[in-house]
Protein backbone atom coordinates (compact mmCIF):
# COMPACT_ATOMS: atom_id res chain seq x y z
CA UNK A 1 -88.32 18.43 -8.26
CA UNK A 2 -88.50 14.77 -9.19
CA UNK A 3 -85.12 15.97 -12.04
CA UNK A 4 -82.73 17.08 -9.15
CA UNK A 5 -83.30 14.15 -7.30
CA UNK A 6 -82.75 12.07 -9.60
CA UNK A 7 -79.12 14.28 -10.41
CA UNK A 8 -78.11 13.64 -6.65
CA UNK A 9 -76.39 10.25 -7.40
CA UNK A 10 -74.73 11.02 -10.51
CA UNK A 11 -73.34 14.14 -9.03
CA UNK A 12 -72.53 11.98 -5.78
CA UNK A 13 -70.50 9.35 -7.96
CA UNK A 14 -68.62 12.55 -9.61
CA UNK A 15 -67.37 13.76 -6.30
CA UNK A 16 -66.29 10.40 -5.56
CA UNK A 17 -64.23 10.20 -8.53
CA UNK A 18 -62.91 13.56 -7.80
CA UNK A 19 -61.90 12.41 -4.23
CA UNK A 20 -60.36 9.50 -5.42
CA UNK A 21 -58.58 10.97 -8.15
CA UNK A 22 -57.36 13.79 -5.18
CA UNK A 23 -56.30 10.73 -2.98
CA UNK A 24 -54.17 9.09 -5.72
CA UNK A 25 -52.65 12.73 -6.79
CA UNK A 26 -51.57 13.73 -2.77
CA UNK A 27 -50.26 9.58 -2.70
CA UNK A 28 -48.16 10.61 -5.82
CA UNK A 29 -47.00 13.87 -4.43
CA UNK A 30 -45.86 12.67 -0.81
CA UNK A 31 -44.15 9.93 -2.77
CA UNK A 32 -42.18 12.68 -4.92
CA UNK A 33 -41.75 14.73 -1.93
CA UNK A 34 -39.87 11.23 0.06
CA UNK A 35 -37.69 10.92 -3.31
CA UNK A 36 -37.05 14.29 -3.33
CA UNK A 37 -36.38 14.51 0.85
CA UNK A 38 -34.40 11.56 -0.10
CA UNK A 39 -31.83 13.02 -2.73
CA UNK A 40 -31.61 16.17 -0.74
CA UNK A 41 -30.48 13.78 2.27
CA UNK A 42 -28.10 11.62 0.01
CA UNK A 43 -27.10 15.26 -1.64
CA UNK A 44 -26.21 16.11 2.09
CA UNK A 45 -24.47 12.97 3.41
CA UNK A 46 -22.09 13.43 -0.20
CA UNK A 47 -21.22 17.14 0.88
CA UNK A 48 -20.64 16.20 4.93
CA UNK A 49 -18.44 13.30 3.22
CA UNK A 50 -16.72 15.97 1.11
CA UNK A 51 -16.02 18.21 3.69
CA UNK A 52 -14.95 15.53 6.24
CA UNK A 53 -12.26 14.54 3.63
CA UNK A 54 -11.16 17.73 2.78
CA UNK A 55 -10.71 19.21 6.41
CA UNK A 56 -11.65 16.35 8.87
CA UNK A 57 -9.32 13.67 9.94
CA UNK A 58 -8.73 10.40 7.87
CA UNK A 59 -8.20 8.06 10.46
CA UNK A 60 -10.99 5.30 10.74
CA UNK A 61 -10.28 4.17 14.49
CA UNK A 62 -12.76 4.11 16.59
CA UNK A 63 -12.93 3.23 20.52
CA UNK A 64 -15.26 0.06 21.20
CA UNK A 65 -16.34 2.25 24.45
CA UNK A 66 -17.30 5.16 21.46
CA UNK A 67 -19.72 3.28 19.98
CA UNK A 68 -21.06 1.71 22.81
CA UNK A 69 -22.54 5.23 23.71
CA UNK A 70 -24.93 5.09 20.51
CA UNK A 71 -27.19 1.61 21.42
CA UNK A 72 -28.89 0.68 18.38
CA UNK A 73 -31.48 -0.69 20.98
CA UNK A 74 -32.37 2.51 21.85
CA UNK A 75 -33.39 3.72 18.61
CA UNK A 76 -34.76 0.04 16.61
CA UNK A 77 -36.26 -2.53 18.08
CA UNK A 78 -34.10 -5.38 16.80
CA UNK A 79 -35.25 -9.11 16.96
CA UNK A 80 -31.73 -10.41 17.23
CA UNK A 81 -30.10 -10.50 20.54
CA UNK A 82 -27.31 -7.73 20.58
CA UNK A 83 -24.03 -9.06 20.88
CA UNK A 84 -22.28 -7.65 23.92
CA UNK A 85 -18.75 -6.11 22.79
CA UNK A 86 -17.24 -7.01 26.26
CA UNK A 87 -18.55 -10.52 26.84
CA UNK A 88 -16.89 -13.87 25.56
CA UNK A 89 -14.36 -11.46 23.45
CA UNK A 90 -10.83 -12.97 23.17
CA UNK A 91 -8.43 -12.27 26.08
CA UNK A 92 -4.80 -11.31 26.30
CA UNK A 93 -2.43 -12.23 29.55
CA UNK A 94 -0.25 -9.29 29.73
CA UNK A 95 2.80 -10.23 32.26
CA UNK A 96 3.43 -7.88 34.85
CA UNK A 97 4.42 -4.44 33.54
CA UNK A 98 8.05 -3.42 33.63
CA UNK A 99 9.16 -0.25 33.21
CA UNK A 100 11.80 0.16 30.72
CA UNK A 101 14.58 2.96 31.33
CA UNK A 102 14.37 6.42 29.26
CA UNK A 103 17.40 7.58 26.79
CA UNK A 104 18.08 7.38 23.56
CA UNK A 105 18.78 4.50 21.49
CA UNK A 106 21.99 2.80 20.74
CA UNK A 107 23.50 4.03 16.92
CA UNK A 108 23.18 0.73 14.85
CA UNK A 109 26.36 -1.46 15.05
CA UNK A 110 26.67 -1.98 11.76
CA UNK A 111 27.99 1.55 11.38
CA UNK A 112 31.66 2.01 10.87
CA UNK A 113 33.49 3.61 13.85
CA UNK A 114 35.99 5.94 14.18
CA UNK A 115 38.05 6.44 17.46
CA UNK A 116 38.91 9.76 18.64
CA UNK A 117 41.19 9.16 21.77
CA UNK A 118 40.92 12.13 24.17
CA UNK A 119 43.77 12.52 27.19
CA UNK A 120 44.78 14.50 30.27
CA UNK A 121 47.93 16.30 29.67
CA UNK A 122 51.14 15.00 31.33
CA UNK A 123 51.16 17.53 34.17
CA UNK A 124 47.68 16.74 35.21
CA UNK A 125 48.41 12.69 35.80
CA UNK A 126 49.33 13.75 38.84
CA UNK A 127 47.14 13.03 42.26
CA UNK A 128 46.24 16.85 43.94
CA UNK A 129 45.99 15.14 47.12
CA UNK A 130 49.88 13.25 47.44
CA UNK A 131 51.50 13.87 44.22
CA UNK A 132 51.61 10.49 43.07
CA UNK A 133 51.41 9.14 39.60
CA UNK A 134 47.67 8.51 38.45
CA UNK A 135 47.77 4.71 36.84
CA UNK A 136 45.18 4.35 33.78
CA UNK A 137 41.81 3.08 35.35
CA UNK A 138 39.53 2.53 32.53
CA UNK A 139 37.55 4.65 30.09
CA UNK A 140 34.13 6.38 29.49
CA UNK A 141 32.90 6.45 25.89
CA UNK A 142 30.29 8.29 24.36
CA UNK A 143 29.37 8.04 21.04
CA UNK A 144 28.15 10.90 18.19
CA UNK A 145 26.03 10.21 14.82
CA UNK A 146 28.89 11.94 12.00
CA UNK A 147 27.14 12.30 8.55
CA UNK A 148 29.09 13.06 5.81
CA UNK A 149 27.49 15.23 3.05
CA UNK A 150 27.42 13.23 -0.50
CA UNK A 151 30.65 12.86 -2.25
CA UNK A 152 31.29 13.50 -6.07
CA UNK A 153 34.20 11.45 -7.49
CA UNK A 154 35.08 10.25 -10.82
CA UNK A 155 36.22 6.99 -11.76
CA UNK A 156 38.95 6.60 -14.31
CA UNK A 157 38.86 3.46 -16.43
CA UNK A 158 42.43 2.76 -17.46
CA UNK A 159 42.69 0.19 -20.18
CA UNK A 160 46.23 -0.92 -20.53
CA UNK A 161 46.82 -0.94 -24.53
CA UNK A 162 49.83 -3.45 -26.11
CA UNK A 163 51.26 -4.01 -29.36
CA UNK A 164 53.94 -6.38 -31.52
CA UNK A 165 56.65 -4.39 -31.64
CA UNK A 166 57.68 -6.42 -34.84
CA UNK A 167 54.46 -6.29 -37.27
CA UNK A 168 53.02 -3.48 -35.16
CA UNK A 169 49.53 -5.01 -36.18
CA UNK A 170 48.97 -6.73 -33.17
CA UNK A 171 47.21 -3.89 -30.67
CA UNK A 172 45.09 -5.66 -28.14
CA UNK A 173 43.37 -3.30 -25.55
CA UNK A 174 42.20 -4.54 -21.97
CA UNK A 175 38.45 -4.51 -22.02
CA UNK A 176 36.10 -2.67 -20.09
CA UNK A 177 33.86 -4.55 -17.78
CA UNK A 178 30.17 -4.38 -18.97
CA UNK A 179 28.30 -1.53 -17.86
CA UNK A 180 24.78 -0.75 -16.88
CA UNK A 181 24.66 2.16 -19.46
CA UNK A 182 27.27 1.20 -22.30
CA UNK A 183 28.83 5.00 -23.32
CA UNK A 184 27.41 6.50 -20.27
CA UNK A 185 29.17 8.66 -17.43
CA UNK A 186 26.88 7.17 -14.76
CA UNK A 187 28.77 4.63 -12.89
CA UNK A 188 26.51 1.85 -10.76
CA UNK A 189 26.70 3.70 -7.77
CA UNK A 190 25.07 7.06 -9.09
CA UNK A 191 22.11 5.38 -11.09
CA UNK A 192 21.36 3.49 -8.03
CA UNK A 193 21.32 6.99 -6.13
CA UNK A 194 19.32 8.65 -8.56
CA UNK A 195 16.79 5.74 -8.60
CA UNK A 196 16.63 5.51 -4.75
CA UNK A 197 16.69 8.98 -4.44
CA UNK A 198 13.30 9.54 -6.92
CA UNK A 199 11.42 6.07 -6.43
CA UNK A 200 12.17 5.89 -3.04
CA UNK A 201 12.15 8.92 -1.19
CA UNK A 202 10.15 10.68 -4.06
CA UNK A 203 12.54 13.45 -4.99
CA UNK A 204 11.55 14.63 -8.93
CA UNK A 205 14.20 14.82 -10.78
CA UNK A 206 14.36 18.23 -11.17
CA UNK A 207 15.53 18.79 -7.74
CA UNK A 208 18.39 16.50 -7.83
CA UNK A 209 19.35 18.33 -10.87
CA UNK A 210 19.68 21.12 -8.88
CA UNK A 211 21.46 19.22 -5.99
CA UNK A 212 23.95 17.81 -8.54
CA UNK A 213 24.55 21.30 -9.58
CA UNK A 214 25.26 22.56 -6.18
CA UNK A 215 27.85 19.87 -6.04
CA UNK A 216 29.77 21.24 -9.07
CA UNK A 217 28.13 18.89 -11.51
CA UNK A 218 25.86 19.72 -14.88
CA UNK A 219 23.26 16.69 -15.01
CA UNK A 220 20.35 17.66 -17.02
CA UNK A 221 17.04 16.37 -15.85
CA UNK A 222 16.25 15.01 -19.49
CA UNK A 223 19.84 13.12 -19.05
CA UNK A 224 18.66 11.93 -16.20
CA UNK A 225 15.12 10.63 -17.07
CA UNK A 226 16.78 8.85 -20.43
CA UNK A 227 19.15 7.23 -17.74
CA UNK A 228 16.17 5.78 -15.83
CA UNK A 229 14.29 4.59 -18.94
CA UNK A 230 17.32 2.49 -19.77
CA UNK A 231 17.81 1.22 -16.40
CA UNK A 232 13.94 0.30 -16.58
CA UNK A 233 14.85 -1.99 -19.66
CA UNK A 234 18.11 -3.54 -18.12
CA UNK A 235 16.23 -5.12 -15.01
CA UNK A 236 13.26 -6.15 -17.13
CA UNK A 237 14.86 -10.02 -17.26
CA UNK A 238 14.50 -9.45 -13.55
CA UNK A 239 11.58 -8.20 -13.15
CA UNK A 240 10.36 -11.11 -15.05
CA UNK A 241 11.91 -13.76 -13.01
CA UNK A 242 9.87 -12.19 -10.12
CA UNK A 243 6.60 -12.18 -12.13
CA UNK A 244 6.90 -15.99 -12.58
CA UNK A 245 7.53 -16.98 -9.14
CA UNK A 246 4.93 -14.65 -8.39
CA UNK A 247 2.40 -16.91 -10.32
CA UNK A 248 3.92 -19.74 -8.97
CA UNK A 249 2.54 -19.25 -5.38
CA UNK A 250 -1.34 -19.69 -5.16
CA UNK A 251 -1.88 -16.23 -2.91
CA UNK A 252 -2.10 -13.08 -4.59
CA UNK A 253 -3.59 -9.34 -3.56
CA UNK A 254 -3.89 -6.58 -6.23
CA UNK A 255 -4.82 -3.06 -6.38
CA UNK A 256 -4.68 -0.13 -8.60
CA UNK A 257 -3.84 3.62 -8.78
CA UNK A 258 -4.24 5.89 -11.13
CA UNK A 259 -1.31 7.58 -12.82
CA UNK A 260 -1.10 10.85 -15.26
CA UNK A 261 1.09 10.36 -18.70
CA UNK A 262 1.24 13.39 -20.56
CA UNK A 263 2.57 11.54 -24.23
CA UNK A 264 0.51 8.97 -24.71
CA UNK A 265 -0.91 7.84 -28.13
CA UNK A 266 -4.69 8.52 -28.78
CA UNK A 267 -4.96 10.02 -24.81
CA UNK A 268 -4.96 13.87 -23.94
CA UNK A 269 -2.48 14.51 -21.16
CA UNK A 270 -5.05 14.96 -18.57
CA UNK A 271 -6.74 11.29 -19.01
CA UNK A 272 -5.79 9.03 -16.24
CA UNK A 273 -3.57 5.63 -16.67
CA UNK A 274 -3.20 2.75 -13.99
CA UNK A 275 -0.71 1.63 -11.83
CA UNK A 276 -1.19 -1.97 -10.71
CA UNK A 277 0.31 -3.59 -7.78
CA UNK A 278 0.65 -7.08 -7.49
CA UNK A 279 2.11 -8.83 -3.78
CA UNK A 280 3.02 -12.64 -3.61
CA UNK A 281 5.19 -15.23 -2.84
CA UNK A 282 5.79 -17.14 0.15
CA UNK A 283 5.50 -15.39 3.53
CA UNK A 284 9.78 -15.86 3.54
CA UNK A 285 10.15 -14.83 0.17
CA UNK A 286 7.65 -12.01 -0.54
CA UNK A 287 7.53 -10.30 -4.02
CA UNK A 288 5.80 -6.78 -5.14
CA UNK A 289 5.34 -5.85 -8.56
CA UNK A 290 4.31 -2.78 -10.37
CA UNK A 291 2.74 -2.50 -13.35
CA UNK A 292 1.82 0.23 -15.88
CA UNK A 293 -1.22 0.24 -17.99
CA UNK A 294 -3.52 2.80 -20.04
CA UNK A 295 -6.88 0.86 -19.20
CA UNK A 296 -8.63 0.04 -15.81
CA UNK A 297 -10.64 -2.85 -17.60
CA UNK A 298 -10.70 -6.47 -17.03
CA UNK A 299 -8.23 -7.31 -19.59
CA UNK A 300 -5.71 -6.21 -17.46
CA UNK A 301 -5.91 -8.60 -14.35
CA UNK A 302 -6.76 -11.43 -16.75
CA UNK A 303 -3.10 -10.71 -18.20
CA UNK A 304 -1.00 -10.08 -15.07
CA UNK A 305 -2.43 -13.05 -13.78
CA UNK A 306 -2.08 -15.66 -16.74
CA UNK A 307 -1.59 -18.89 -15.28
CA UNK A 308 -2.15 -17.73 -11.96
CA UNK A 309 -4.11 -20.79 -9.51
CA UNK A 310 -5.05 -19.62 -6.10
CA UNK A 311 -6.66 -17.10 -4.22
CA UNK A 312 -6.92 -13.69 -5.05
CA UNK A 313 -7.77 -10.61 -2.86
CA UNK A 314 -8.64 -7.66 -4.14
CA UNK A 315 -11.20 -4.77 -3.24
CA UNK A 316 -14.95 -4.82 -4.47
CA UNK A 317 -13.86 -3.33 -7.87
CA UNK A 318 -15.93 -5.00 -10.63
CA UNK A 319 -12.96 -5.44 -12.77
CA UNK A 320 -11.82 -8.23 -11.43
CA UNK A 321 -14.69 -10.26 -11.63
CA UNK A 322 -13.42 -11.70 -15.12
CA UNK A 323 -10.61 -12.91 -13.81
CA UNK A 324 -12.46 -14.05 -10.49
CA UNK A 325 -15.01 -16.44 -12.78
CA UNK A 326 -12.30 -18.76 -13.78
CA UNK A 327 -12.60 -22.27 -12.05
CA UNK A 328 -9.13 -21.81 -11.15
CA UNK A 329 -9.15 -18.43 -9.04
CA UNK A 330 -10.93 -18.00 -5.60
CA UNK A 331 -11.28 -14.38 -5.10
CA UNK A 332 -11.27 -13.20 -1.59
CA UNK A 333 -12.42 -9.76 0.20
CA UNK A 334 -11.11 -6.80 2.07
CA UNK A 335 -12.41 -6.13 5.14
CA UNK A 336 -10.89 -2.90 5.38
CA UNK A 337 -12.68 -1.65 2.44
CA UNK A 338 -16.21 -2.61 3.92
CA UNK A 339 -14.94 -1.30 7.14
CA UNK A 340 -14.32 2.21 5.49
CA UNK A 341 -18.32 2.22 3.97
CA UNK A 342 -19.59 2.35 7.21
CA UNK A 343 -16.91 4.83 8.49
CA UNK A 344 -17.89 7.29 5.96
CA UNK A 345 -21.43 6.38 6.64
CA UNK A 346 -21.03 7.78 10.15
CA UNK A 347 -19.00 10.66 8.84
CA UNK A 348 -21.73 11.64 6.03
CA UNK A 349 -23.86 11.89 9.15
CA UNK A 350 -22.68 14.96 10.65
CA UNK A 351 -22.91 16.53 14.13
CA UNK A 352 -26.56 15.61 14.07
CA UNK A 353 -27.01 11.79 14.38
CA UNK A 354 -29.58 10.37 12.75
CA UNK A 355 -31.51 6.78 13.72
CA UNK A 356 -29.83 4.76 11.16
CA UNK A 357 -26.45 6.16 12.82
CA UNK A 358 -27.01 3.16 15.34
CA UNK A 359 -26.50 0.58 12.67
CA UNK A 360 -23.50 2.13 11.21
CA UNK A 361 -21.79 1.72 14.92
CA UNK A 362 -23.02 -1.72 14.95
CA UNK A 363 -21.24 -2.66 11.94
CA UNK A 364 -18.24 -1.12 13.08
CA UNK A 365 -18.43 -3.24 16.33
CA UNK A 366 -18.90 -6.58 14.96
CA UNK A 367 -15.75 -5.87 12.19
CA UNK A 368 -13.73 -4.47 15.29
CA UNK A 369 -14.36 -7.92 17.10
CA UNK A 370 -12.97 -9.49 13.99
CA UNK A 371 -9.93 -7.55 13.78
CA UNK A 372 -8.84 -8.22 17.83
CA UNK A 373 -9.09 -12.09 17.08
CA UNK A 374 -6.41 -11.02 13.98
CA UNK A 375 -4.16 -8.73 15.94
CA UNK A 376 -3.97 -11.94 18.82
CA UNK A 377 -2.89 -14.77 16.31
CA UNK A 378 -1.24 -12.66 13.86
CA UNK A 379 2.18 -14.26 14.98
CA UNK A 380 0.78 -17.87 14.93
CA UNK A 381 1.40 -20.43 12.32
CA UNK A 382 -1.44 -20.43 9.65
CA UNK A 383 -3.04 -23.40 10.72
CA UNK A 384 -3.65 -21.85 14.57
CA UNK A 385 -4.97 -19.05 12.43
CA UNK A 386 -7.54 -21.38 10.56
CA UNK A 387 -8.39 -22.78 14.02
CA UNK A 388 -9.24 -19.46 15.70
CA UNK A 389 -11.07 -18.38 12.97
CA UNK A 390 -13.21 -20.83 13.00
CA UNK A 391 -13.90 -20.71 16.68
CA UNK A 392 -13.84 -17.39 16.81
CA UNK A 393 -14.89 -15.72 13.98
CA UNK A 394 -17.14 -17.93 12.47
CA UNK A 395 -19.65 -17.53 15.50
CA UNK A 396 -19.20 -13.62 14.76
CA UNK A 397 -19.71 -13.52 11.30
CA UNK A 398 -22.96 -15.86 11.67
CA UNK A 399 -24.57 -12.88 14.20
CA UNK A 400 -23.30 -9.89 11.49
CA UNK A 401 -25.34 -11.86 8.75
CA UNK A 402 -28.40 -12.38 10.68
CA UNK A 403 -27.96 -8.55 11.65
CA UNK A 404 -27.32 -7.70 8.28
CA UNK A 405 -30.50 -9.72 6.44
CA UNK A 406 -32.38 -7.92 8.85
CA UNK A 407 -30.84 -4.11 8.52
CA UNK A 408 -31.29 -4.69 4.53
CA UNK A 409 -34.63 -3.75 5.33
CA UNK A 410 -34.86 -0.57 7.00
CA UNK A 411 -32.14 1.27 5.45
CA UNK A 412 -33.17 3.40 2.54
CA UNK A 413 -30.20 2.16 -0.29
CA UNK A 414 -29.42 5.37 -1.59
CA UNK A 415 -27.93 6.50 1.59
CA UNK A 416 -24.47 6.19 2.13
CA UNK A 417 -25.31 3.26 5.07
CA UNK A 418 -27.64 1.84 2.58
CA UNK A 419 -24.71 1.88 -0.23
CA UNK A 420 -22.18 0.58 3.02
CA UNK A 421 -24.99 -2.58 3.88
CA UNK A 422 -25.36 -3.51 0.00
CA UNK A 423 -21.49 -3.59 -0.41
CA UNK A 424 -20.94 -5.81 2.68
CA UNK A 425 -24.13 -8.03 1.45
CA UNK A 426 -22.81 -8.16 -2.21
CA UNK A 427 -19.08 -9.20 -0.95
CA UNK A 428 -20.52 -10.88 1.76
CA UNK A 429 -19.14 -14.69 0.60
CA UNK A 430 -15.78 -13.03 -0.42
CA UNK A 431 -15.18 -11.51 2.73
CA UNK A 432 -15.95 -14.74 5.10
CA UNK A 433 -13.35 -16.53 2.74
CA UNK A 434 -10.70 -15.82 4.66
CA UNK A 435 -11.83 -18.29 7.32
CA UNK A 436 -10.99 -21.05 4.93
CA UNK A 437 -7.39 -20.69 4.69
CA UNK A 438 -4.67 -19.49 7.76
CA UNK A 439 -2.50 -17.97 5.14
CA UNK A 440 -5.15 -15.48 3.88
CA UNK A 441 -5.26 -11.67 5.33
CA UNK A 442 -8.46 -10.22 6.68
CA UNK A 443 -7.93 -7.72 4.16
CA UNK A 444 -6.12 -6.15 1.16
CA UNK A 445 -3.92 -3.58 3.26
CA UNK A 446 -0.31 -5.03 2.30
CA UNK A 447 -0.43 -4.45 -0.82
CA UNK A 448 -2.35 -0.90 -0.26
CA UNK A 449 0.77 -0.23 1.97
CA UNK A 450 2.71 -1.26 -1.17
CA UNK A 451 1.12 1.54 -3.43
CA UNK A 452 1.97 4.14 -0.82
CA UNK A 453 5.29 5.01 -1.83
CA UNK A 454 4.01 5.35 -5.23
CA UNK A 455 1.08 7.61 -4.09
CA UNK A 456 3.76 9.48 -1.98
CA UNK A 457 6.18 10.24 -5.18
CA UNK A 458 3.33 10.94 -7.52
CA UNK A 459 2.35 13.99 -5.11
CA UNK A 460 6.20 15.27 -5.88
CA UNK A 461 6.69 14.69 -9.72
CA UNK A 462 2.93 14.66 -10.38
CA UNK A 463 2.60 12.80 -13.75
CA UNK A 464 4.97 10.78 -15.94
CA UNK A 465 6.04 11.99 -19.56
CA UNK A 466 5.96 9.11 -21.58
CA UNK A 467 4.97 5.62 -21.68
CA UNK A 468 8.48 4.06 -21.46
CA UNK A 469 8.97 6.29 -18.55
CA UNK A 470 5.88 5.09 -16.92
CA UNK A 471 7.04 1.46 -17.59
CA UNK A 472 10.33 2.40 -16.40
CA UNK A 473 9.52 3.54 -12.83
CA UNK A 474 7.02 0.64 -12.54
CA UNK A 475 9.88 -1.82 -12.98
CA UNK A 476 12.21 0.32 -10.59
CA UNK A 477 9.23 0.95 -7.93
CA UNK A 478 9.15 -2.83 -8.10
CA UNK A 479 12.50 -3.90 -7.60
CA UNK A 480 12.92 -1.55 -4.54
CA UNK A 481 9.84 -2.44 -2.87
CA UNK A 482 10.80 -6.27 -3.22
CA UNK A 483 13.94 -5.36 -1.72
CA UNK A 484 13.00 -3.53 1.12
CA UNK A 485 10.43 -6.53 1.51
CA UNK A 486 12.98 -8.86 1.82
CA UNK A 487 14.84 -6.93 4.55
CA UNK A 488 17.87 -4.91 1.94
CA UNK A 489 18.70 -1.97 1.84
CA UNK A 490 17.60 -0.24 -1.34
CA UNK A 491 20.92 2.06 -2.08
CA UNK A 492 23.17 -1.16 -2.00
CA UNK A 493 20.89 -3.18 -3.15
CA UNK A 494 20.54 -1.32 -6.57
CA UNK A 495 23.89 -0.83 -6.61
CA UNK A 496 24.84 -4.33 -6.52
CA UNK A 497 22.54 -5.24 -9.50
CA UNK A 498 23.38 -2.28 -11.64
CA UNK A 499 26.97 -3.60 -11.50
CA UNK A 500 26.53 -7.64 -11.68
CA UNK A 501 23.50 -7.69 -14.24
CA UNK A 502 25.09 -6.47 -17.45
CA UNK A 503 27.69 -9.57 -17.19
CA UNK A 504 25.01 -12.25 -16.45
CA UNK A 505 25.11 -15.20 -18.92
CA UNK A 506 22.73 -17.42 -17.65
CA UNK A 507 19.23 -18.08 -15.65
CA UNK A 508 21.39 -18.96 -12.55
CA UNK A 509 23.44 -16.06 -12.45
CA UNK A 510 19.78 -13.90 -13.13
CA UNK A 511 17.88 -15.85 -10.23
CA UNK A 512 21.48 -14.89 -7.79
CA UNK A 513 20.19 -11.24 -8.53
CA UNK A 514 17.10 -11.86 -6.81
CA UNK A 515 16.35 -9.84 -3.39
CA UNK A 516 15.70 -13.37 -1.50
CA UNK A 517 18.69 -15.07 -2.89
CA UNK A 518 20.99 -12.30 -1.45
CA UNK A 519 21.63 -10.95 1.63
CA UNK A 520 22.83 -7.60 3.47
CA UNK A 521 26.45 -8.68 4.36
CA UNK A 522 26.87 -10.04 0.53
CA UNK A 523 25.91 -7.06 -0.64
CA UNK A 524 27.71 -4.47 1.63
CA UNK A 525 30.55 -6.52 1.29
CA UNK A 526 30.68 -6.22 -2.78
CA UNK A 527 29.89 -2.24 -2.18
CA UNK A 528 32.54 -1.87 -0.11
CA UNK A 529 34.88 -3.62 -2.47
CA UNK A 530 33.81 -1.62 -5.60
CA UNK A 531 34.33 1.71 -3.15
CA UNK A 532 37.77 0.29 -2.67
CA UNK A 533 38.28 -0.31 -6.37
CA UNK A 534 37.30 3.15 -7.58
């Protein structure tokens, strides 16, 4: 019996060890369960977000009153005082509302007018009451918009020839003016029409081929494509000059978007290449440049920004890190991208709102207040904008930073909200930099808007066939979008450039063709003159 008593402590120790081991195993299983659940939740969020991108509305707009419906204080207790969405916000004085008279807008005064006179027959110009002769007392004018379909015509260049009647050797022929594409049947007007239709109106060349055929002209798509490539080479000196001037200004915005090129050396037809877009120049001389590159690596912005000193505004893509690491470049972040992350976090929640939903709405409320300030000062001088940001935006940013520091420890990092908070934290110094200079934008939206024409066109023509075609497209997009940004109508501007550029003899002649060195009246007058000669 004593032997049995002696074995009890050993059994008890073994039992304790087993219990301890089971406790550790249970803890490990609980951790594994939480990890799996976190992965499942993350996958569910991704699925809901993808479904929303496929079937939901794309707008990121939220009503501040709607945000208040989900008060974070009801879900989690914050030690930081909640900023009131309504209190201490900038106010706008709105004058007494005057209702405008409805009706259609008048037709542009710049359009030519053709007067059609409608008069009464002579026998009706008599008063029905006393038989007296009616006298004119004015007129009633109404206007209709009339559109004449495209008119195709042929310009015949007749070059006079002269010969010496004595020796019959001194033959002279009047020279042909320099042409945008020598020995081509395409006039500057035709080339401008094709380029604007493709790059401004997103009309693929195969559709233009059909339109020309309907007008009685056979122009194969391959010929149209070759013309666009030749034009891309023709305007390269103008693009080079625009790039020099873009890099001289100390603020540049930059973004990139995929493009597919079928016949690219060393790459499959399905692989991605990229169209890089830059926006810069003084406010009264904006410049938009597109650049094709097969890569999205950091070497591309290093090349495109060589010699640039100043502020570079981009999204959070790490490909800009190398150029931003240079001492002469100061990187500015984009609040629109930060806002989009929290918008995605809300959409990923689906219809069932989790406790973290309140944090996403709180972030959007902070950002919304920053954008309200920008809406009020967008027409002010840079000095006034700087002052307003210092007085109104910085206190909001200080509150948001304190809220962010606390929130980072309360949200799982792999969730969409965790990723949004990480992005905000990682980009913070770049995001608040717009307050340093009144000329800076709160976001990168201006250059993103410049990408839209390219994206719209890409939906129609899907891809570029060759690298030469992609580079030509980049140059033509650059010229068209820069012309638009400077208030010029693209067709008239391109027609003018295609006519004048072949005869350029000096840098001064080339500078005279830049969009901000021309005005609409000058271009229109030249176009009318050209049409009259034809």
